[in-house]
Amino acid sequence: MMNVAFRLLLTFNATSLLVIIYLVQKGYTLGHFFPSNPLFGQLPNAVSYLLYFLVPVFLTRLSILLSSQLGKDAFKKGEVDSIEHANNSFLPSYLGYFFVALSIGSWEALCFVYGVLFIFTFLSQALYFNPLFLIFGYEFYNIRTKNGTAIFLISRQKYKKPDEIEISAAHRINNYTFIERG
């Protein structure tokens, strides 16, 4: 159950920037959502937008903290056959969310597009690429083990060679995705 809740949180974190881009593009500030509160009506728009952005940043930090509750696996020295830095390979697809958000014209369309995107991201169970992890110093790696298993690793370590990888506790998000918290 913890794993499903954690994957839902990761999926929300990875897709929530689409909603934020939509809100900013449409000019929706906190004053729009809370018209009876005069404080929100007096804030500069940039404060609203910053607060919107801080929500997924905070939730990403929470997901990092909660990852300690997931099951653990280890990668012994010599188990990894190849490693590829994955930060840049996923960024172009993620930026596609931004362009989609800019073209959405209504709340109904936003809800539909976000719902479909959320479901596909959650059900894909392959990768949980969230560029907000970069803010916390995490890197993304595609690794292949000696037995041919392809794994997506989220880690603060700066790996360059397969023989450098020795992880005593990698927390399992799913069968293909791990986070190394150390």
N, C-alpha and C. Protein backbone atom coordinates (compact mmCIF):
# COMPACT_ATOMS: atom_id res chain seq x y z
N MET A 1 0.83 -1.20 0.00
CA MET A 1 0.00 0.00 0.00
C MET A 1 0.87 1.26 0.00
N MET A 2 1.95 1.24 0.79
CA MET A 2 2.86 2.39 0.86
C MET A 2 3.46 2.65 -0.53
N ASN A 3 3.77 1.57 -1.25
CA ASN A 3 4.38 1.73 -2.56
C ASN A 3 3.41 2.40 -3.53
N VAL A 4 2.15 2.04 -3.50
CA VAL A 4 1.15 2.65 -4.39
C VAL A 4 0.98 4.13 -4.05
N ALA A 5 0.88 4.45 -2.76
CA ALA A 5 0.74 5.85 -2.34
C ALA A 5 1.97 6.65 -2.76
N PHE A 6 3.14 6.06 -2.61
CA PHE A 6 4.37 6.74 -3.00
C PHE A 6 4.40 6.97 -4.51
N ARG A 7 4.01 5.98 -5.29
CA ARG A 7 3.98 6.14 -6.75
C ARG A 7 2.95 7.18 -7.18
N LEU A 8 1.82 7.27 -6.47
CA LEU A 8 0.84 8.32 -6.76
C LEU A 8 1.44 9.70 -6.50
N LEU A 9 2.16 9.84 -5.38
CA LEU A 9 2.82 11.11 -5.06
C LEU A 9 3.86 11.46 -6.12
N LEU A 10 4.68 10.49 -6.52
CA LEU A 10 5.68 10.74 -7.56
C LEU A 10 5.03 11.14 -8.88
N THR A 11 3.93 10.48 -9.20
CA THR A 11 3.23 10.80 -10.45
C THR A 11 2.68 12.23 -10.39
N PHE A 12 2.10 12.60 -9.26
CA PHE A 12 1.61 13.97 -9.12
C PHE A 12 2.76 14.97 -9.25
N ASN A 13 3.87 14.69 -8.58
CA ASN A 13 5.02 15.59 -8.64
C ASN A 13 5.53 15.74 -10.07
N ALA A 14 5.57 14.64 -10.80
CA ALA A 14 6.10 14.67 -12.16
C ALA A 14 5.18 15.36 -13.15
N THR A 15 3.88 15.41 -12.84
CA THR A 15 2.93 15.98 -13.80
C THR A 15 2.36 17.33 -13.37
N SER A 16 2.57 17.74 -12.14
CA SER A 16 1.92 18.94 -11.63
C SER A 16 2.39 20.23 -12.29
N LEU A 17 3.59 20.23 -12.84
CA LEU A 17 4.05 21.46 -13.50
C LEU A 17 3.18 21.83 -14.69
N LEU A 18 2.51 20.84 -15.28
CA LEU A 18 1.58 21.13 -16.37
C LEU A 18 0.48 22.08 -15.87
N VAL A 19 -0.06 21.81 -14.69
CA VAL A 19 -1.12 22.65 -14.12
C VAL A 19 -0.57 24.04 -13.79
N ILE A 20 0.64 24.08 -13.24
CA ILE A 20 1.24 25.37 -12.88
C ILE A 20 1.46 26.24 -14.11
N ILE A 21 1.97 25.65 -15.17
CA ILE A 21 2.17 26.40 -16.43
C ILE A 21 0.83 26.93 -16.93
N TYR A 22 -0.21 26.11 -16.86
CA TYR A 22 -1.53 26.55 -17.27
C TYR A 22 -1.99 27.75 -16.44
N LEU A 23 -1.85 27.66 -15.10
CA LEU A 23 -2.29 28.75 -14.22
C LEU A 23 -1.55 30.04 -14.52
N VAL A 24 -0.24 29.93 -14.74
CA VAL A 24 0.56 31.12 -15.03
C VAL A 24 0.18 31.70 -16.39
N GLN A 25 0.04 30.83 -17.37
CA GLN A 25 -0.29 31.29 -18.73
C GLN A 25 -1.65 32.00 -18.76
N LYS A 26 -2.60 31.52 -17.96
CA LYS A 26 -3.93 32.13 -17.91
C LYS A 26 -3.99 33.31 -16.95
N GLY A 27 -2.93 33.53 -16.16
CA GLY A 27 -2.90 34.66 -15.24
C GLY A 27 -3.71 34.44 -13.97
N TYR A 28 -3.95 33.20 -13.60
CA TYR A 28 -4.70 32.91 -12.38
C TYR A 28 -3.79 33.05 -11.16
N THR A 29 -4.10 34.03 -10.33
CA THR A 29 -3.32 34.26 -9.12
C THR A 29 -4.10 33.73 -7.91
N LEU A 30 -3.51 33.80 -6.75
CA LEU A 30 -4.21 33.39 -5.53
C LEU A 30 -5.45 34.26 -5.29
N GLY A 31 -5.38 35.52 -5.71
CA GLY A 31 -6.53 36.41 -5.59
C GLY A 31 -7.73 35.92 -6.38
N HIS A 32 -7.49 35.22 -7.48
CA HIS A 32 -8.57 34.65 -8.29
C HIS A 32 -9.27 33.53 -7.53
N PHE A 33 -8.50 32.71 -6.83
CA PHE A 33 -9.06 31.56 -6.12
C PHE A 33 -9.61 31.92 -4.74
N PHE A 34 -9.11 33.01 -4.16
CA PHE A 34 -9.55 33.45 -2.83
C PHE A 34 -9.94 34.93 -2.89
N PRO A 35 -11.02 35.25 -3.61
CA PRO A 35 -11.38 36.67 -3.79
C PRO A 35 -11.81 37.36 -2.49
N SER A 36 -12.26 36.59 -1.50
CA SER A 36 -12.71 37.22 -0.25
C SER A 36 -11.54 37.57 0.68
N ASN A 37 -10.35 37.12 0.35
CA ASN A 37 -9.18 37.42 1.17
C ASN A 37 -8.43 38.59 0.54
N PRO A 38 -8.48 39.78 1.15
CA PRO A 38 -7.86 40.96 0.54
C PRO A 38 -6.33 40.85 0.43
N LEU A 39 -5.72 40.06 1.30
CA LEU A 39 -4.27 39.90 1.24
C LEU A 39 -3.84 39.29 -0.09
N PHE A 40 -4.56 38.26 -0.53
CA PHE A 40 -4.19 37.60 -1.78
C PHE A 40 -4.40 38.51 -2.99
N GLY A 41 -5.39 39.39 -2.91
CA GLY A 41 -5.64 40.31 -4.00
C GLY A 41 -4.55 41.37 -4.15
N GLN A 42 -3.81 41.64 -3.09
CA GLN A 42 -2.76 42.67 -3.12
C GLN A 42 -1.38 42.13 -3.47
N LEU A 43 -1.24 40.81 -3.46
CA LEU A 43 0.07 40.23 -3.76
C LEU A 43 0.44 40.42 -5.23
N PRO A 44 1.69 40.66 -5.52
CA PRO A 44 2.10 40.66 -6.92
C PRO A 44 1.88 39.26 -7.53
N ASN A 45 1.60 39.22 -8.80
CA ASN A 45 1.36 37.94 -9.48
C ASN A 45 2.51 36.97 -9.28
N ALA A 46 3.74 37.49 -9.29
CA ALA A 46 4.91 36.62 -9.16
C ALA A 46 4.90 35.85 -7.85
N VAL A 47 4.34 36.41 -6.79
CA VAL A 47 4.27 35.70 -5.51
C VAL A 47 3.34 34.49 -5.63
N SER A 48 2.21 34.69 -6.28
CA SER A 48 1.30 33.55 -6.52
C SER A 48 1.99 32.46 -7.31
N TYR A 49 2.68 32.85 -8.37
CA TYR A 49 3.33 31.87 -9.22
C TYR A 49 4.44 31.14 -8.48
N LEU A 50 5.17 31.86 -7.64
CA LEU A 50 6.21 31.24 -6.83
C LEU A 50 5.60 30.24 -5.84
N LEU A 51 4.51 30.62 -5.22
CA LEU A 51 3.85 29.70 -4.28
C LEU A 51 3.32 28.46 -5.01
N TYR A 52 2.79 28.62 -6.21
CA TYR A 52 2.36 27.46 -7.00
C TYR A 52 3.53 26.52 -7.22
N PHE A 53 4.68 27.09 -7.59
CA PHE A 53 5.87 26.28 -7.88
C PHE A 53 6.39 25.58 -6.62
N LEU A 54 6.27 26.25 -5.48
CA LEU A 54 6.79 25.66 -4.25
C LEU A 54 6.00 24.44 -3.79
N VAL A 55 4.75 24.31 -4.21
CA VAL A 55 3.95 23.14 -3.82
C VAL A 55 4.60 21.85 -4.34
N PRO A 56 4.86 21.71 -5.65
CA PRO A 56 5.50 20.47 -6.09
C PRO A 56 6.95 20.32 -5.59
N VAL A 57 7.62 21.44 -5.34
CA VAL A 57 8.98 21.35 -4.77
C VAL A 57 8.89 20.74 -3.38
N PHE A 58 7.97 21.24 -2.56
CA PHE A 58 7.76 20.69 -1.22
C PHE A 58 7.36 19.22 -1.29
N LEU A 59 6.45 18.87 -2.19
CA LEU A 59 5.99 17.48 -2.30
C LEU A 59 7.09 16.57 -2.84
N THR A 60 7.97 17.11 -3.67
CA THR A 60 9.12 16.32 -4.13
C THR A 60 10.05 16.03 -2.96
N ARG A 61 10.28 17.03 -2.13
CA ARG A 61 11.10 16.83 -0.93
C ARG A 61 10.45 15.80 -0.01
N LEU A 62 9.15 15.88 0.14
CA LEU A 62 8.42 14.90 0.95
C LEU A 62 8.59 13.50 0.37
N SER A 63 8.51 13.36 -0.94
CA SER A 63 8.67 12.04 -1.56
C SER A 63 10.08 11.49 -1.33
N ILE A 64 11.08 12.37 -1.32
CA ILE A 64 12.45 11.93 -1.03
C ILE A 64 12.52 11.39 0.40
N LEU A 65 11.91 12.11 1.33
CA LEU A 65 11.91 11.66 2.73
C LEU A 65 11.15 10.35 2.90
N LEU A 66 10.01 10.23 2.23
CA LEU A 66 9.19 9.02 2.35
C LEU A 66 9.81 7.81 1.66
N SER A 67 10.74 8.04 0.75
CA SER A 67 11.34 6.92 0.02
C SER A 67 12.06 5.95 0.96
N SER A 68 12.41 6.42 2.16
CA SER A 68 13.07 5.53 3.13
C SER A 68 12.14 4.41 3.59
N GLN A 69 10.83 4.56 3.36
CA GLN A 69 9.86 3.54 3.77
C GLN A 69 9.67 2.45 2.74
N LEU A 70 10.30 2.60 1.58
CA LEU A 70 10.16 1.60 0.51
C LEU A 70 11.11 0.44 0.75
N GLY A 71 10.85 -0.67 0.07
CA GLY A 71 11.73 -1.83 0.15
C GLY A 71 13.11 -1.50 -0.38
N LYS A 72 14.10 -2.26 0.07
CA LYS A 72 15.48 -1.99 -0.31
C LYS A 72 16.06 -3.14 -1.12
N ASP A 73 16.92 -2.77 -2.03
CA ASP A 73 17.72 -3.71 -2.79
C ASP A 73 19.15 -3.21 -2.77
N ALA A 74 20.07 -4.08 -3.11
CA ALA A 74 21.48 -3.70 -3.15
C ALA A 74 22.03 -3.98 -4.54
N PHE A 75 23.01 -3.19 -4.94
CA PHE A 75 23.76 -3.42 -6.17
C PHE A 75 25.21 -3.63 -5.75
N LYS A 76 25.68 -4.85 -5.94
CA LYS A 76 27.04 -5.17 -5.54
C LYS A 76 28.03 -4.74 -6.62
N LYS A 77 29.23 -4.50 -6.20
CA LYS A 77 30.29 -4.12 -7.13
C LYS A 77 30.42 -5.20 -8.20
N GLY A 78 30.46 -4.78 -9.45
CA GLY A 78 30.59 -5.70 -10.56
C GLY A 78 29.27 -6.19 -11.14
N GLU A 79 28.14 -5.86 -10.52
CA GLU A 79 26.83 -6.27 -11.04
C GLU A 79 26.35 -5.44 -12.21
N VAL A 80 26.85 -4.21 -12.31
CA VAL A 80 26.38 -3.30 -13.34
C VAL A 80 27.27 -3.40 -14.57
N ASP A 81 26.63 -3.61 -15.71
CA ASP A 81 27.35 -3.78 -16.98
C ASP A 81 27.58 -2.45 -17.69
N SER A 82 26.55 -1.57 -17.66
CA SER A 82 26.69 -0.27 -18.32
C SER A 82 25.87 0.78 -17.58
N ILE A 83 26.29 2.03 -17.77
CA ILE A 83 25.59 3.15 -17.15
C ILE A 83 25.53 4.31 -18.14
N GLU A 84 24.41 4.98 -18.16
CA GLU A 84 24.23 6.13 -19.05
C GLU A 84 23.54 7.23 -18.25
N HIS A 85 24.10 8.42 -18.31
CA HIS A 85 23.49 9.58 -17.65
C HIS A 85 22.20 9.89 -18.38
N ALA A 86 21.09 10.03 -17.64
CA ALA A 86 19.78 10.19 -18.27
C ALA A 86 19.15 11.56 -18.05
N ASN A 87 19.84 12.49 -17.40
CA ASN A 87 19.24 13.80 -17.14
C ASN A 87 18.73 14.46 -18.41
N ASN A 88 19.56 14.51 -19.42
CA ASN A 88 19.21 15.25 -20.64
C ASN A 88 18.29 14.49 -21.57
N SER A 89 18.24 13.17 -21.48
CA SER A 89 17.43 12.41 -22.42
C SER A 89 15.93 12.54 -22.15
N PHE A 90 15.54 12.81 -20.90
CA PHE A 90 14.12 12.92 -20.59
C PHE A 90 13.61 14.35 -20.61
N LEU A 91 14.49 15.31 -20.50
CA LEU A 91 14.07 16.70 -20.43
C LEU A 91 13.26 17.15 -21.64
N PRO A 92 13.65 16.80 -22.88
CA PRO A 92 12.82 17.23 -24.01
C PRO A 92 11.38 16.72 -23.95
N SER A 93 11.19 15.44 -23.54
CA SER A 93 9.81 14.95 -23.43
C SER A 93 9.06 15.67 -22.34
N TYR A 94 9.75 15.96 -21.24
CA TYR A 94 9.10 16.65 -20.14
C TYR A 94 8.71 18.07 -20.55
N LEU A 95 9.55 18.71 -21.34
CA LEU A 95 9.21 20.06 -21.81
C LEU A 95 7.98 20.04 -22.71
N GLY A 96 7.68 18.91 -23.30
CA GLY A 96 6.46 18.76 -24.09
C GLY A 96 5.22 19.05 -23.26
N TYR A 97 5.26 18.70 -21.96
CA TYR A 97 4.14 19.03 -21.06
C TYR A 97 3.90 20.53 -21.04
N PHE A 98 4.98 21.31 -21.06
CA PHE A 98 4.84 22.76 -21.01
C PHE A 98 4.11 23.28 -22.24
N PHE A 99 4.48 22.75 -23.41
CA PHE A 99 3.84 23.21 -24.64
C PHE A 99 2.37 22.80 -24.67
N VAL A 100 2.07 21.61 -24.14
CA VAL A 100 0.68 21.19 -24.06
C VAL A 100 -0.08 22.14 -23.14
N ALA A 101 0.51 22.47 -22.00
CA ALA A 101 -0.15 23.36 -21.03
C ALA A 101 -0.43 24.72 -21.65
N LEU A 102 0.48 25.21 -22.47
CA LEU A 102 0.29 26.52 -23.10
C LEU A 102 -0.83 26.52 -24.12
N SER A 103 -1.16 25.35 -24.66
CA SER A 103 -2.20 25.31 -25.69
C SER A 103 -3.57 24.94 -25.13
N ILE A 104 -3.66 24.61 -23.87
CA ILE A 104 -4.95 24.25 -23.27
C ILE A 104 -5.78 25.51 -23.06
N GLY A 105 -7.05 25.45 -23.49
CA GLY A 105 -7.86 26.65 -23.47
C GLY A 105 -8.89 26.75 -22.36
N SER A 106 -9.19 25.64 -21.67
CA SER A 106 -10.25 25.71 -20.65
C SER A 106 -9.93 24.78 -19.49
N TRP A 107 -10.68 25.00 -18.40
CA TRP A 107 -10.52 24.13 -17.22
C TRP A 107 -10.88 22.69 -17.56
N GLU A 108 -11.93 22.52 -18.35
CA GLU A 108 -12.36 21.17 -18.72
C GLU A 108 -11.27 20.45 -19.50
N ALA A 109 -10.68 21.15 -20.44
CA ALA A 109 -9.60 20.55 -21.23
C ALA A 109 -8.39 20.24 -20.33
N LEU A 110 -8.08 21.16 -19.41
CA LEU A 110 -6.97 20.93 -18.48
C LEU A 110 -7.22 19.67 -17.66
N CYS A 111 -8.41 19.54 -17.10
CA CYS A 111 -8.73 18.36 -16.29
C CYS A 111 -8.62 17.07 -17.10
N PHE A 112 -9.14 17.10 -18.31
CA PHE A 112 -9.08 15.91 -19.15
C PHE A 112 -7.63 15.55 -19.50
N VAL A 113 -6.88 16.52 -20.00
CA VAL A 113 -5.49 16.27 -20.41
C VAL A 113 -4.66 15.84 -19.20
N TYR A 114 -4.83 16.54 -18.08
CA TYR A 114 -4.07 16.17 -16.89
C TYR A 114 -4.44 14.77 -16.42
N GLY A 115 -5.71 14.45 -16.43
CA GLY A 115 -6.16 13.11 -16.02
C GLY A 115 -5.56 12.02 -16.86
N VAL A 116 -5.60 12.21 -18.18
CA VAL A 116 -5.02 11.21 -19.09
C VAL A 116 -3.52 11.10 -18.87
N LEU A 117 -2.84 12.22 -18.77
CA LEU A 117 -1.40 12.23 -18.53
C LEU A 117 -1.05 11.55 -17.21
N PHE A 118 -1.81 11.86 -16.17
CA PHE A 118 -1.58 11.27 -14.85
C PHE A 118 -1.74 9.75 -14.90
N ILE A 119 -2.82 9.29 -15.51
CA ILE A 119 -3.08 7.85 -15.59
C ILE A 119 -1.98 7.15 -16.37
N PHE A 120 -1.60 7.69 -17.53
CA PHE A 120 -0.55 7.05 -18.34
C PHE A 120 0.79 7.05 -17.61
N THR A 121 1.10 8.14 -16.93
CA THR A 121 2.37 8.20 -16.19
C THR A 121 2.37 7.19 -15.06
N PHE A 122 1.27 7.11 -14.33
CA PHE A 122 1.18 6.16 -13.22
C PHE A 122 1.23 4.72 -13.71
N LEU A 123 0.46 4.42 -14.74
CA LEU A 123 0.39 3.03 -15.22
C LEU A 123 1.62 2.58 -15.99
N SER A 124 2.37 3.52 -16.51
CA SER A 124 3.56 3.13 -17.27
C SER A 124 4.54 2.37 -16.39
N GLN A 125 4.61 2.72 -15.11
CA GLN A 125 5.44 2.07 -14.12
C GLN A 125 6.88 1.87 -14.57
N ALA A 126 7.29 2.58 -15.56
CA ALA A 126 8.65 2.40 -16.03
C ALA A 126 9.57 3.44 -15.41
N LEU A 127 9.21 4.70 -15.53
CA LEU A 127 10.10 5.76 -15.07
C LEU A 127 9.31 6.82 -14.32
N TYR A 128 9.97 7.43 -13.36
CA TYR A 128 9.39 8.54 -12.64
C TYR A 128 10.35 9.71 -12.74
N PHE A 129 10.49 10.22 -13.95
CA PHE A 129 11.39 11.35 -14.17
C PHE A 129 10.69 12.61 -13.71
N ASN A 130 11.27 13.27 -12.74
CA ASN A 130 10.75 14.52 -12.22
C ASN A 130 11.93 15.49 -12.17
N PRO A 131 11.95 16.50 -13.02
CA PRO A 131 13.10 17.40 -13.02
C PRO A 131 13.29 18.15 -11.71
N LEU A 132 12.28 18.16 -10.84
CA LEU A 132 12.45 18.82 -9.55
C LEU A 132 13.45 18.08 -8.66
N PHE A 133 13.71 16.81 -8.94
CA PHE A 133 14.76 16.09 -8.21
C PHE A 133 16.11 16.76 -8.44
N LEU A 134 16.29 17.39 -9.58
CA LEU A 134 17.56 18.07 -9.88
C LEU A 134 17.83 19.19 -8.86
N ILE A 135 16.78 19.85 -8.39
CA ILE A 135 16.93 20.92 -7.40
C ILE A 135 17.56 20.38 -6.11
N PHE A 136 17.26 19.13 -5.80
CA PHE A 136 17.78 18.51 -4.58
C PHE A 136 19.08 17.74 -4.81
N GLY A 137 19.69 17.95 -5.97
CA GLY A 137 21.00 17.36 -6.23
C GLY A 137 20.99 15.94 -6.75
N TYR A 138 19.84 15.45 -7.18
CA TYR A 138 19.76 14.09 -7.70
C TYR A 138 20.08 14.06 -9.19
N GLU A 139 20.62 12.94 -9.60
CA GLU A 139 20.93 12.67 -11.00
C GLU A 139 20.10 11.46 -11.43
N PHE A 140 19.94 11.30 -12.73
CA PHE A 140 19.18 10.19 -13.28
C PHE A 140 20.10 9.34 -14.14
N TYR A 141 20.01 8.03 -13.98
CA TYR A 141 20.87 7.11 -14.72
C TYR A 141 20.05 5.95 -15.27
N ASN A 142 20.39 5.55 -16.47
CA ASN A 142 19.93 4.28 -17.02
C ASN A 142 21.08 3.30 -16.81
N ILE A 143 20.82 2.23 -16.09
CA ILE A 143 21.87 1.25 -15.90
C ILE A 143 21.38 -0.11 -16.39
N ARG A 144 22.32 -0.93 -16.80
CA ARG A 144 22.03 -2.29 -17.22
C ARG A 144 22.90 -3.22 -16.40
N THR A 145 22.24 -4.21 -15.78
CA THR A 145 22.98 -5.15 -14.95
C THR A 145 23.61 -6.23 -15.82
N LYS A 146 24.48 -7.02 -15.22
CA LYS A 146 25.15 -8.11 -15.94
C LYS A 146 24.16 -9.12 -16.48
N ASN A 147 23.01 -9.29 -15.81
CA ASN A 147 22.01 -10.24 -16.30
C ASN A 147 21.06 -9.62 -17.33
N GLY A 148 21.32 -8.36 -17.73
CA GLY A 148 20.56 -7.72 -18.80
C GLY A 148 19.37 -6.88 -18.37
N THR A 149 19.15 -6.74 -17.09
CA THR A 149 18.03 -5.95 -16.59
C THR A 149 18.32 -4.45 -16.75
N ALA A 150 17.36 -3.72 -17.33
CA ALA A 150 17.49 -2.28 -17.49
C ALA A 150 16.81 -1.61 -16.31
N ILE A 151 17.52 -0.68 -15.67
CA ILE A 151 17.04 -0.04 -14.45
C ILE A 151 17.23 1.47 -14.56
N PHE A 152 16.26 2.20 -14.03
CA PHE A 152 16.35 3.65 -13.93
C PHE A 152 16.72 3.96 -12.49
N LEU A 153 17.83 4.65 -12.28
CA LEU A 153 18.33 4.94 -10.95
C LEU A 153 18.32 6.45 -10.72
N ILE A 154 17.73 6.85 -9.60
CA ILE A 154 17.74 8.24 -9.16
C ILE A 154 18.71 8.29 -7.99
N SER A 155 19.76 9.11 -8.10
CA SER A 155 20.81 9.09 -7.08
C SER A 155 21.49 10.44 -6.97
N ARG A 156 22.04 10.73 -5.81
CA ARG A 156 22.85 11.93 -5.63
C ARG A 156 24.30 11.68 -6.01
N GLN A 157 24.65 10.44 -6.18
CA GLN A 157 26.03 10.09 -6.53
C GLN A 157 26.30 10.50 -7.98
N LYS A 158 27.55 10.78 -8.26
CA LYS A 158 27.97 11.14 -9.61
C LYS A 158 28.70 9.95 -10.21
N TYR A 159 27.94 9.02 -10.75
CA TYR A 159 28.53 7.82 -11.33
C TYR A 159 28.99 8.10 -12.75
N LYS A 160 30.14 7.53 -13.10
CA LYS A 160 30.66 7.65 -14.47
C LYS A 160 30.95 6.30 -15.09
N LYS A 161 31.38 5.33 -14.28
CA LYS A 161 31.75 4.02 -14.79
C LYS A 161 30.94 2.94 -14.09
N PRO A 162 30.58 1.89 -14.81
CA PRO A 162 29.79 0.81 -14.20
C PRO A 162 30.46 0.16 -13.00
N ASP A 163 31.79 0.06 -13.03
CA ASP A 163 32.47 -0.61 -11.92
C ASP A 163 32.53 0.24 -10.66
N GLU A 164 32.10 1.51 -10.73
CA GLU A 164 32.04 2.38 -9.55
C GLU A 164 30.79 2.12 -8.72
N ILE A 165 29.81 1.47 -9.32
CA ILE A 165 28.51 1.35 -8.67
C ILE A 165 28.51 0.22 -7.66
N GLU A 166 28.33 0.61 -6.42
CA GLU A 166 28.14 -0.32 -5.31
C GLU A 166 27.19 0.38 -4.36
N ILE A 167 25.95 -0.11 -4.32
CA ILE A 167 24.91 0.55 -3.54
C ILE A 167 24.39 -0.44 -2.51
N SER A 168 24.53 -0.09 -1.25
CA SER A 168 24.08 -1.00 -0.19
C SER A 168 22.56 -0.95 0.01
N ALA A 169 21.94 0.20 -0.28
CA ALA A 169 20.49 0.33 -0.10
C ALA A 169 19.91 1.26 -1.16
N ALA A 170 19.34 0.64 -2.18
CA ALA A 170 18.59 1.39 -3.18
C ALA A 170 17.11 1.08 -2.93
N HIS A 171 16.32 2.11 -2.75
CA HIS A 171 14.91 1.92 -2.43
C HIS A 171 14.12 1.69 -3.71
N ARG A 172 13.35 0.62 -3.71
CA ARG A 172 12.61 0.17 -4.89
C ARG A 172 11.29 0.93 -5.03
N ILE A 173 11.18 1.73 -6.09
CA ILE A 173 9.92 2.40 -6.40
C ILE A 173 9.02 1.43 -7.15
N ASN A 174 9.59 0.74 -8.12
CA ASN A 174 8.93 -0.37 -8.80
C ASN A 174 10.04 -1.30 -9.30
N ASN A 175 9.71 -2.27 -10.10
CA ASN A 175 10.71 -3.25 -10.53
C ASN A 175 11.79 -2.67 -11.43
N TYR A 176 11.59 -1.47 -11.94
CA TYR A 176 12.53 -0.88 -12.88
C TYR A 176 13.13 0.44 -12.40
N THR A 177 12.64 0.96 -11.29
CA THR A 177 13.04 2.28 -10.83
C THR A 177 13.46 2.23 -9.36
N PHE A 178 14.65 2.79 -9.09
CA PHE A 178 15.19 2.79 -7.73
C PHE A 178 15.66 4.21 -7.39
N ILE A 179 15.63 4.52 -6.09
CA ILE A 179 16.19 5.78 -5.64
C ILE A 179 17.22 5.47 -4.57
N GLU A 180 18.40 6.04 -4.75
CA GLU A 180 19.47 5.91 -3.77
C GLU A 180 19.50 7.21 -2.99
N ARG A 181 19.21 7.15 -1.72
CA ARG A 181 19.06 8.35 -0.93
C ARG A 181 20.37 8.88 -0.39
N GLY A 182 21.40 8.06 -0.31
CA GLY A 182 22.66 8.43 0.34
C GLY A 182 23.40 9.56 -0.31
